C-alpha atoms as a PDB file:
ATOM      1  CA  MET A   1      -0.208  23.531 -23.848  1.00  0.00           C
ATOM      2  CA  LYS A   2      -3.636  23.191 -25.581  1.00  0.00           C
ATOM      3  CA  LEU A   3      -5.043  19.231 -24.976  1.00  0.00           C
ATOM      4  CA  GLY A   4      -8.426  20.252 -26.346  1.00  0.00           C
ATOM      5  CA  PRO A   5     -11.026  23.201 -27.356  1.00  0.00           C
ATOM      6  CA  SER A   6     -11.471  23.898 -23.777  1.00  0.00           C
ATOM      7  CA  LEU A   7      -8.614  22.410 -22.119  1.00  0.00           C
ATOM      8  CA  HIS A   8      -5.023  23.467 -21.306  1.00  0.00           C
ATOM      9  CA  ARG A   9      -2.398  22.351 -19.221  1.00  0.00           C
ATOM     10  CA  ILE A  10       0.737  24.468 -17.545  1.00  0.00           C
ATOM     11  CA  GLY A  11       3.731  23.261 -16.090  1.00  0.00           C
ATOM     12  CA  ASN A  12       5.315  19.703 -17.395  1.00  0.00           C
ATOM     13  CA  ASP A  13       5.051  15.702 -16.746  1.00  0.00           C
ATOM     14  CA  ILE A  14       6.947  16.481 -13.514  1.00  0.00           C
ATOM     15  CA  VAL A  15       4.566  19.099 -12.135  1.00  0.00           C
ATOM     16  CA  ALA A  16       1.359  19.867 -13.805  1.00  0.00           C
ATOM     17  CA  ALA A  17      -2.130  22.445 -13.719  1.00  0.00           C
ATOM     18  CA  TYR A  18      -4.916  22.393 -15.801  1.00  0.00           C
ATOM     19  CA  LEU A  19      -7.290  25.672 -17.514  1.00  0.00           C
ATOM     20  CA  VAL A  20     -10.553  24.918 -18.356  1.00  0.00           C
ATOM     21  CA  ASP A  21     -11.714  27.686 -20.766  1.00  0.00           C
ATOM     22  CA  THR A  22     -15.462  28.347 -21.447  1.00  0.00           C
ATOM     23  CA  PRO A  23     -17.328  31.240 -22.753  1.00  0.00           C
ATOM     24  CA  GLU A  24     -17.922  32.180 -19.110  1.00  0.00           C
ATOM     25  CA  GLY A  25     -14.292  32.647 -18.332  1.00  0.00           C
ATOM     26  CA  VAL A  26     -11.534  30.286 -17.051  1.00  0.00           C
ATOM     27  CA  THR A  27     -11.430  27.355 -14.070  1.00  0.00           C
ATOM     28  CA  VAL A  28      -8.083  26.653 -13.246  1.00  0.00           C
ATOM     29  CA  ILE A  29      -7.528  23.346 -11.438  1.00  0.00           C
ATOM     30  CA  ASP A  30      -4.628  22.731  -8.885  1.00  0.00           C
ATOM     31  CA  ALA A  31      -2.119  25.423  -8.637  1.00  0.00           C
ATOM     32  CA  GLY A  32       1.050  23.504  -9.194  1.00  0.00           C
ATOM     33  CA  LEU A  33       4.308  25.326  -7.808  1.00  0.00           C
ATOM     34  CA  ALA A  34       4.414  29.084  -6.809  1.00  0.00           C
ATOM     35  CA  GLY A  35       6.983  29.135 -10.007  1.00  0.00           C
ATOM     36  CA  HIS A  36       4.027  28.301 -12.339  1.00  0.00           C
ATOM     37  CA  TRP A  37       2.491  31.981 -11.747  1.00  0.00           C
ATOM     38  CA  ASN A  38       4.498  33.019 -15.483  1.00  0.00           C
ATOM     39  CA  ASP A  39       3.156  29.790 -16.793  1.00  0.00           C
ATOM     40  CA  LEU A  40      -0.113  30.714 -16.276  1.00  0.00           C
ATOM     41  CA  VAL A  41      -0.217  34.208 -17.395  1.00  0.00           C
ATOM     42  CA  SER A  42       1.877  32.892 -21.042  1.00  0.00           C
ATOM     43  CA  GLU A  43      -0.852  30.257 -21.196  1.00  0.00           C
ATOM     44  CA  LEU A  44      -3.574  32.680 -20.619  1.00  0.00           C
ATOM     45  CA  ALA A  45      -2.388  35.306 -23.174  1.00  0.00           C
ATOM     46  CA  GLY A  46      -2.030  32.464 -25.672  1.00  0.00           C
ATOM     47  CA  MET A  47      -5.609  31.780 -25.485  1.00  0.00           C
ATOM     48  CA  GLY A  48      -6.807  35.370 -25.398  1.00  0.00           C
ATOM     49  CA  ARG A  49      -7.518  35.801 -21.738  1.00  0.00           C
ATOM     50  CA  SER A  50      -5.941  37.237 -18.596  1.00  0.00           C
ATOM     51  CA  LEU A  51      -5.932  36.859 -15.269  1.00  0.00           C
ATOM     52  CA  ASP A  52      -9.409  38.615 -14.996  1.00  0.00           C
ATOM     53  CA  ASP A  53     -11.031  36.013 -16.911  1.00  0.00           C
ATOM     54  CA  ILE A  54     -10.064  33.411 -13.917  1.00  0.00           C
ATOM     55  CA  ARG A  55     -13.684  32.702 -11.890  1.00  0.00           C
ATOM     56  CA  GLY A  56     -12.038  30.162  -9.627  1.00  0.00           C
ATOM     57  CA  VAL A  57      -9.297  27.689  -8.757  1.00  0.00           C
ATOM     58  CA  VAL A  58     -10.342  24.400  -7.452  1.00  0.00           C
ATOM     59  CA  LEU A  59      -7.826  22.095  -5.701  1.00  0.00           C
ATOM     60  CA  THR A  60      -7.568  18.160  -5.864  1.00  0.00           C
ATOM     61  CA  HIS A  61      -5.950  18.296  -2.528  1.00  0.00           C
ATOM     62  CA  GLY A  62      -3.865  20.529  -0.205  1.00  0.00           C
ATOM     63  CA  ASP A  63      -0.445  19.513  -0.953  1.00  0.00           C
ATOM     64  CA  SER A  64       2.374  22.008  -1.477  1.00  0.00           C
ATOM     65  CA  ASP A  65       2.575  21.061  -4.933  1.00  0.00           C
ATOM     66  CA  HIS A  66      -0.633  21.514  -5.742  1.00  0.00           C
ATOM     67  CA  ILE A  67      -1.628  25.007  -4.270  1.00  0.00           C
ATOM     68  CA  GLY A  68       1.624  27.060  -5.656  1.00  0.00           C
ATOM     69  CA  PHE A  69       0.015  30.417  -6.852  1.00  0.00           C
ATOM     70  CA  ALA A  70      -3.235  30.048  -5.317  1.00  0.00           C
ATOM     71  CA  GLU A  71      -2.681  32.365  -2.336  1.00  0.00           C
ATOM     72  CA  ARG A  72      -1.251  34.783  -5.087  1.00  0.00           C
ATOM     73  CA  LEU A  73      -4.543  34.667  -6.989  1.00  0.00           C
ATOM     74  CA  ARG A  74      -6.848  35.071  -4.334  1.00  0.00           C
ATOM     75  CA  SER A  75      -5.072  37.822  -2.826  1.00  0.00           C
ATOM     76  CA  GLU A  76      -4.147  39.597  -5.791  1.00  0.00           C
ATOM     77  CA  GLN A  77      -6.915  38.960  -7.820  1.00  0.00           C
ATOM     78  CA  GLY A  78      -9.725  37.916  -5.812  1.00  0.00           C
ATOM     79  CA  VAL A  79      -9.978  34.609  -7.002  1.00  0.00           C
ATOM     80  CA  PRO A  80     -11.568  32.049  -4.689  1.00  0.00           C
ATOM     81  CA  VAL A  81     -10.040  28.635  -4.217  1.00  0.00           C
ATOM     82  CA  TYR A  82     -11.830  25.719  -3.557  1.00  0.00           C
ATOM     83  CA  VAL A  83     -10.672  22.337  -1.482  1.00  0.00           C
ATOM     84  CA  HIS A  84     -12.364  19.452  -0.032  1.00  0.00           C
ATOM     85  CA  GLU A  85     -13.797  20.271   3.476  1.00  0.00           C
ATOM     86  CA  ALA A  86     -11.314  17.555   4.807  1.00  0.00           C
ATOM     87  CA  ASP A  87      -8.064  18.972   3.289  1.00  0.00           C
ATOM     88  CA  ALA A  88      -8.810  22.598   4.244  1.00  0.00           C
ATOM     89  CA  ALA A  89      -6.497  22.811   7.077  1.00  0.00           C
ATOM     90  CA  ARG A  90      -4.197  21.533   4.733  1.00  0.00           C
ATOM     91  CA  ALA A  91      -4.309  24.032   2.172  1.00  0.00           C
ATOM     92  CA  ARG A  92      -4.236  26.516   5.110  1.00  0.00           C
ATOM     93  CA  GLY A  93      -0.742  25.396   5.906  1.00  0.00           C
ATOM     94  CA  GLU A  94      -2.031  24.268   9.882  1.00  0.00           C
ATOM     95  CA  VAL A  95      -1.105  20.596   9.202  1.00  0.00           C
ATOM     96  CA  SER A  96       2.099  19.503   8.529  1.00  0.00           C
ATOM     97  CA  THR A  97       2.600  15.652   6.860  1.00  0.00           C
ATOM     98  CA  LYS A  98       5.627  13.603   6.894  1.00  0.00           C
ATOM     99  CA  PRO A  99       4.418  10.971   4.015  1.00  0.00           C
ATOM    100  CA  ALA A 100       6.681   8.046   3.494  1.00  0.00           C
ATOM    101  CA  TRP A 101       9.295   8.362   0.183  1.00  0.00           C
ATOM    102  CA  GLY A 102       9.043   4.636  -0.791  1.00  0.00           C
ATOM    103  CA  ARG A 103      11.345   3.344  -2.969  1.00  0.00           C
ATOM    104  CA  LEU A 104      13.039   5.640  -5.159  1.00  0.00           C
ATOM    105  CA  ARG A 105      15.824   6.113  -7.819  1.00  0.00           C
ATOM    106  CA  VAL A 106      18.709   8.809  -7.562  1.00  0.00           C
ATOM    107  CA  GLY A 107      18.205  10.421 -11.128  1.00  0.00           C
ATOM    108  CA  PRO A 108      14.026  10.926 -11.519  1.00  0.00           C
ATOM    109  CA  THR A 109      14.099  11.964  -7.867  1.00  0.00           C
ATOM    110  CA  THR A 110      16.962  14.622  -7.989  1.00  0.00           C
ATOM    111  CA  ARG A 111      14.792  15.923 -11.106  1.00  0.00           C
ATOM    112  CA  PHE A 112      11.645  16.212  -8.978  1.00  0.00           C
ATOM    113  CA  LEU A 113      13.423  17.891  -6.339  1.00  0.00           C
ATOM    114  CA  TRP A 114      15.375  20.082  -8.642  1.00  0.00           C
ATOM    115  CA  TYR A 115      12.366  21.178 -10.812  1.00  0.00           C
ATOM    116  CA  ALA A 116      10.819  21.934  -7.614  1.00  0.00           C
ATOM    117  CA  VAL A 117      13.208  24.168  -6.445  1.00  0.00           C
ATOM    118  CA  ARG A 118      13.435  25.870  -9.830  1.00  0.00           C
ATOM    119  CA  LYS A 119       9.723  26.716  -9.351  1.00  0.00           C
ATOM    120  CA  ASN A 120      10.032  28.014  -6.051  1.00  0.00           C
ATOM    121  CA  GLY A 121       8.535  24.753  -4.525  1.00  0.00           C
ATOM    122  CA  LEU A 122      10.061  25.409  -1.314  1.00  0.00           C
ATOM    123  CA  ARG A 123       8.504  28.905  -0.819  1.00  0.00           C
ATOM    124  CA  THR A 124       4.839  27.785  -1.271  1.00  0.00           C
ATOM    125  CA  THR A 125       2.460  30.253   0.645  1.00  0.00           C
ATOM    126  CA  PRO A 126      -0.691  28.571   2.073  1.00  0.00           C
ATOM    127  CA  VAL A 127      -3.981  29.721   1.144  1.00  0.00           C
ATOM    128  CA  ALA A 128      -5.240  31.860   3.901  1.00  0.00           C
ATOM    129  CA  GLU A 129      -8.873  31.465   2.793  1.00  0.00           C
ATOM    130  CA  VAL A 130     -10.659  28.522   1.090  1.00  0.00           C
ATOM    131  CA  VAL A 131     -14.050  27.523   0.001  1.00  0.00           C
ATOM    132  CA  ALA A 132     -14.931  24.070   1.161  1.00  0.00           C
ATOM    133  CA  VAL A 133     -16.412  21.630  -1.048  1.00  0.00           C
ATOM    134  CA  HIS A 134     -17.959  18.069  -0.629  1.00  0.00           C
ATOM    135  CA  ASP A 135     -18.497  14.851  -2.969  1.00  0.00           C
ATOM    136  CA  GLY A 136     -21.280  15.281  -5.336  1.00  0.00           C
ATOM    137  CA  ASP A 137     -21.166  19.097  -5.370  1.00  0.00           C
ATOM    138  CA  VAL A 138     -21.224  20.808  -8.564  1.00  0.00           C
ATOM    139  CA  LEU A 139     -19.456  24.397  -8.776  1.00  0.00           C
ATOM    140  CA  ASP A 140     -21.092  27.340  -9.989  1.00  0.00           C
ATOM    141  CA  LEU A 141     -17.781  28.068 -12.513  1.00  0.00           C
ATOM    142  CA  PRO A 142     -17.085  27.752 -15.710  1.00  0.00           C
ATOM    143  CA  GLY A 143     -17.552  23.933 -17.033  1.00  0.00           C
ATOM    144  CA  SER A 144     -19.949  23.318 -14.228  1.00  0.00           C
ATOM    145  CA  PRO A 145     -17.128  21.042 -12.025  1.00  0.00           C
ATOM    146  CA  ARG A 146     -18.347  18.310 -10.468  1.00  0.00           C
ATOM    147  CA  ILE A 147     -16.402  16.937  -7.373  1.00  0.00           C
ATOM    148  CA  ILE A 148     -15.913  13.238  -6.783  1.00  0.00           C
ATOM    149  CA  GLY A 149     -14.438  12.126  -3.438  1.00  0.00           C
ATOM    150  CA  LEU A 150     -11.390  10.259  -3.354  1.00  0.00           C
ATOM    151  CA  PRO A 151      -9.746   9.933   0.017  1.00  0.00           C
ATOM    152  CA  GLY A 152      -6.585   8.035   0.311  1.00  0.00           C
ATOM    153  CA  HIS A 153      -4.060  10.255  -1.192  1.00  0.00           C
ATOM    154  CA  SER A 154      -5.177  12.671   1.404  1.00  0.00           C
ATOM    155  CA  PRO A 155      -8.445  12.745   3.652  1.00  0.00           C
ATOM    156  CA  GLY A 156     -10.194  15.309   0.981  1.00  0.00           C
ATOM    157  CA  SER A 157      -8.641  14.139  -1.966  1.00  0.00           C
ATOM    158  CA  ILE A 158     -11.012  14.581  -5.022  1.00  0.00           C
ATOM    159  CA  ALA A 159     -11.155  14.391  -8.718  1.00  0.00           C
ATOM    160  CA  ILE A 160     -13.227  16.843 -10.392  1.00  0.00           C
ATOM    161  CA  HIS A 161     -15.512  15.966 -13.453  1.00  0.00           C
ATOM    162  CA  VAL A 162     -15.806  18.410 -16.225  1.00  0.00           C
ATOM    163  CA  PRO A 163     -17.784  17.126 -19.042  1.00  0.00           C
ATOM    164  CA  ALA A 164     -17.122  20.622 -21.306  1.00  0.00           C
ATOM    165  CA  ALA A 165     -13.493  19.574 -21.560  1.00  0.00           C
ATOM    166  CA  ASP A 166     -14.202  15.999 -21.914  1.00  0.00           C
ATOM    167  CA  ALA A 167     -11.963  15.466 -18.591  1.00  0.00           C
ATOM    168  CA  VAL A 168     -11.755  14.532 -15.100  1.00  0.00           C
ATOM    169  CA  PHE A 169      -8.887  15.790 -13.067  1.00  0.00           C
ATOM    170  CA  VAL A 170      -7.543  13.310 -10.427  1.00  0.00           C
ATOM    171  CA  GLY A 171      -4.386  15.368  -8.762  1.00  0.00           C
ATOM    172  CA  ASP A 172      -2.571  12.639  -7.187  1.00  0.00           C
ATOM    173  CA  ALA A 173      -5.382   9.778  -6.762  1.00  0.00           C
ATOM    174  CA  LEU A 174      -2.973   8.290  -9.525  1.00  0.00           C
ATOM    175  CA  THR A 175      -0.168   9.067 -11.693  1.00  0.00           C
ATOM    176  CA  THR A 176       1.407   8.322 -15.154  1.00  0.00           C
ATOM    177  CA  ARG A 177       4.733   9.361 -14.137  1.00  0.00           C
ATOM    178  CA  HIS A 178       6.563   8.724 -10.888  1.00  0.00           C
ATOM    179  CA  VAL A 179       8.451  11.454  -9.795  1.00  0.00           C
ATOM    180  CA  LEU A 180      10.313   8.925  -7.779  1.00  0.00           C
ATOM    181  CA  THR A 181      11.419   6.053  -9.806  1.00  0.00           C
ATOM    182  CA  GLY A 182      10.425   7.680 -13.186  1.00  0.00           C
ATOM    183  CA  ARG A 183       8.208   4.757 -14.219  1.00  0.00           C
ATOM    184  CA  HIS A 184       5.417   5.440 -16.794  1.00  0.00           C
ATOM    185  CA  GLY A 185       2.226   4.908 -17.113  1.00  0.00           C
ATOM    186  CA  PRO A 186      -0.794   4.960 -14.681  1.00  0.00           C
ATOM    187  CA  GLN A 187      -0.169   3.568 -11.065  1.00  0.00           C
ATOM    188  CA  PRO A 188      -0.400   4.376  -7.552  1.00  0.00           C
ATOM    189  CA  ALA A 189       1.185   7.884  -6.595  1.00  0.00           C
ATOM    190  CA  PRO A 190       3.806   8.456  -3.863  1.00  0.00           C
ATOM    191  CA  PHE A 191       3.511  10.258  -0.793  1.00  0.00           C
ATOM    192  CA  THR A 192       0.111   8.855  -0.195  1.00  0.00           C
ATOM    193  CA  ASP A 193      -1.317   8.717   3.352  1.00  0.00           C
ATOM    194  CA  ASP A 194      -3.407   5.505   2.891  1.00  0.00           C
ATOM    195  CA  PRO A 195      -2.688   3.427  -0.239  1.00  0.00           C
ATOM    196  CA  GLU A 196      -4.787   1.293   0.364  1.00  0.00           C
ATOM    197  CA  GLY A 197      -8.044   3.561   0.757  1.00  0.00           C
ATOM    198  CA  ALA A 198      -6.620   5.568  -2.565  1.00  0.00           C
ATOM    199  CA  LEU A 199      -6.709   2.546  -4.276  1.00  0.00           C
ATOM    200  CA  GLU A 200     -10.287   1.513  -3.086  1.00  0.00           C
ATOM    201  CA  SER A 201     -11.313   5.175  -3.846  1.00  0.00           C
ATOM    202  CA  LEU A 202     -10.407   4.801  -7.524  1.00  0.00           C
ATOM    203  CA  GLN A 203     -13.058   2.499  -8.562  1.00  0.00           C
ATOM    204  CA  ARG A 204     -15.530   5.589  -7.666  1.00  0.00           C
ATOM    205  CA  LEU A 205     -14.350   6.923 -11.283  1.00  0.00           C
ATOM    206  CA  VAL A 206     -15.222   3.786 -12.759  1.00  0.00           C
ATOM    207  CA  GLY A 207     -18.237   4.592 -15.551  1.00  0.00           C
ATOM    208  CA  VAL A 208     -17.467   8.450 -15.346  1.00  0.00           C
ATOM    209  CA  ASP A 209     -17.665   9.480 -19.176  1.00  0.00           C
ATOM    210  CA  ALA A 210     -14.298  11.141 -19.899  1.00  0.00           C
ATOM    211  CA  THR A 211     -11.434  10.630 -22.446  1.00  0.00           C
ATOM    212  CA  TRP A 212      -8.904  12.928 -20.741  1.00  0.00           C
ATOM    213  CA  VAL A 213      -7.740  11.552 -16.964  1.00  0.00           C
ATOM    214  CA  LEU A 214      -5.187  14.148 -15.664  1.00  0.00           C
ATOM    215  CA  PRO A 215      -2.954  13.859 -13.234  1.00  0.00           C
ATOM    216  CA  GLY A 216      -1.004  16.336 -11.161  1.00  0.00           C
ATOM    217  CA  HIS A 217       2.306  14.399 -12.356  1.00  0.00           C
ATOM    218  CA  GLY A 218       2.654  12.878 -15.764  1.00  0.00           C
ATOM    219  CA  THR A 219       1.970  12.465 -19.205  1.00  0.00           C
ATOM    220  CA  ALA A 220      -2.090  13.486 -20.001  1.00  0.00           C
ATOM    221  CA  TRP A 221      -3.683  10.297 -20.455  1.00  0.00           C
ATOM    222  CA  ASN A 222      -6.611  10.032 -23.261  1.00  0.00           C
ATOM    223  CA  GLY A 223      -7.460   6.350 -23.259  1.00  0.00           C
ATOM    224  CA  GLY A 224     -10.577   6.763 -20.816  1.00  0.00           C
ATOM    225  CA  VAL A 225     -11.341   6.641 -17.398  1.00  0.00           C
ATOM    226  CA  ASP A 226     -12.134   2.612 -16.840  1.00  0.00           C
ATOM    227  CA  ALA A 227      -8.454   1.956 -18.575  1.00  0.00           C
ATOM    228  CA  ALA A 228      -6.600   3.785 -16.479  1.00  0.00           C
ATOM    229  CA  VAL A 229      -8.090   2.981 -13.482  1.00  0.00           C
ATOM    230  CA  ARG A 230      -7.371  -1.090 -14.577  1.00  0.00           C
ATOM    231  CA  GLU A 231      -4.029  -0.090 -15.634  1.00  0.00           C
ATOM    232  CA  VAL A 232      -3.472   1.476 -11.906  1.00  0.00           C
ATOM    233  CA  THR A 233      -4.910  -1.586 -10.493  1.00  0.00           C
ATOM    234  CA  ARG A 234      -2.726  -4.111 -12.346  1.00  0.00           C
ATOM    235  CA  ALA A 235       0.454  -1.957 -11.424  1.00  0.00           C
ATOM    236  CA  ALA A 236      -0.653  -1.824  -7.694  1.00  0.00           C
ATOM    237  CA  ALA A 237      -1.434  -5.487  -8.005  1.00  0.00           C
ATOM    238  CA  ALA A 238       2.125  -6.136  -9.667  1.00  0.00           C
ATOM    239  CA  ALA A 239       4.062  -3.807  -7.019  1.00  0.00           C
ATOM    240  CA  ALA A 240       2.998  -6.012  -4.267  1.00  0.00           C
ATOM    241  CA  SER A 241       3.727  -9.353  -5.653  1.00  0.00           C
ATOM    242  CA  GLY A 242       7.348  -7.894  -6.388  1.00  0.00           C
ATOM    243  CA  SER A 243       6.904  -8.061  -9.965  1.00  0.00           C
END
């Protein structure tokens, strides 16, 4: 799906990954689920591109529903995979996580799990080799992605600001569609290691100049960064008060 002149999405509102397309090549942001491979190839073809045009994969964090086809790109195409140093072991499959599920509704949760099964989410291959990144890094990749550390969802969660795409990619630092409750709109994401820390980290995005705020789960948000952060903060406060 084309979102803008240099910006494409694969997957859907349940699980998504993104492509930044520039004259220098393509940067992939997150790698969704393993079964998104065919979606990747199809989207590239529609862009007049191929797998050979991909210069790198940048992961917002190391969870299984974000690293899906990353190892395949690395091992078959020689594409480097970038992840924050604090999530490198997570992406390599060396750290197991047992996140709390929290509140859920049967319908949305079932749809999430069924979609994950259909897209081979239970057969994720860890990334054998990663390139570590850090807060403030600007990567030598198409679009010159800038790394913004957002620890909370995981220790190495990051946002990736790409001015060429007028976008900031936030992974699970927030969601616009809660996969367990089905609730829409900017809000805290589930399966978060440190919910309070994640909410505090979001303030680091205030003032980032981007129209698009693109989560790993949910509708693409084009209302600007500051508005998205305000909405998440409001939603967190409402949840804490039980309203």
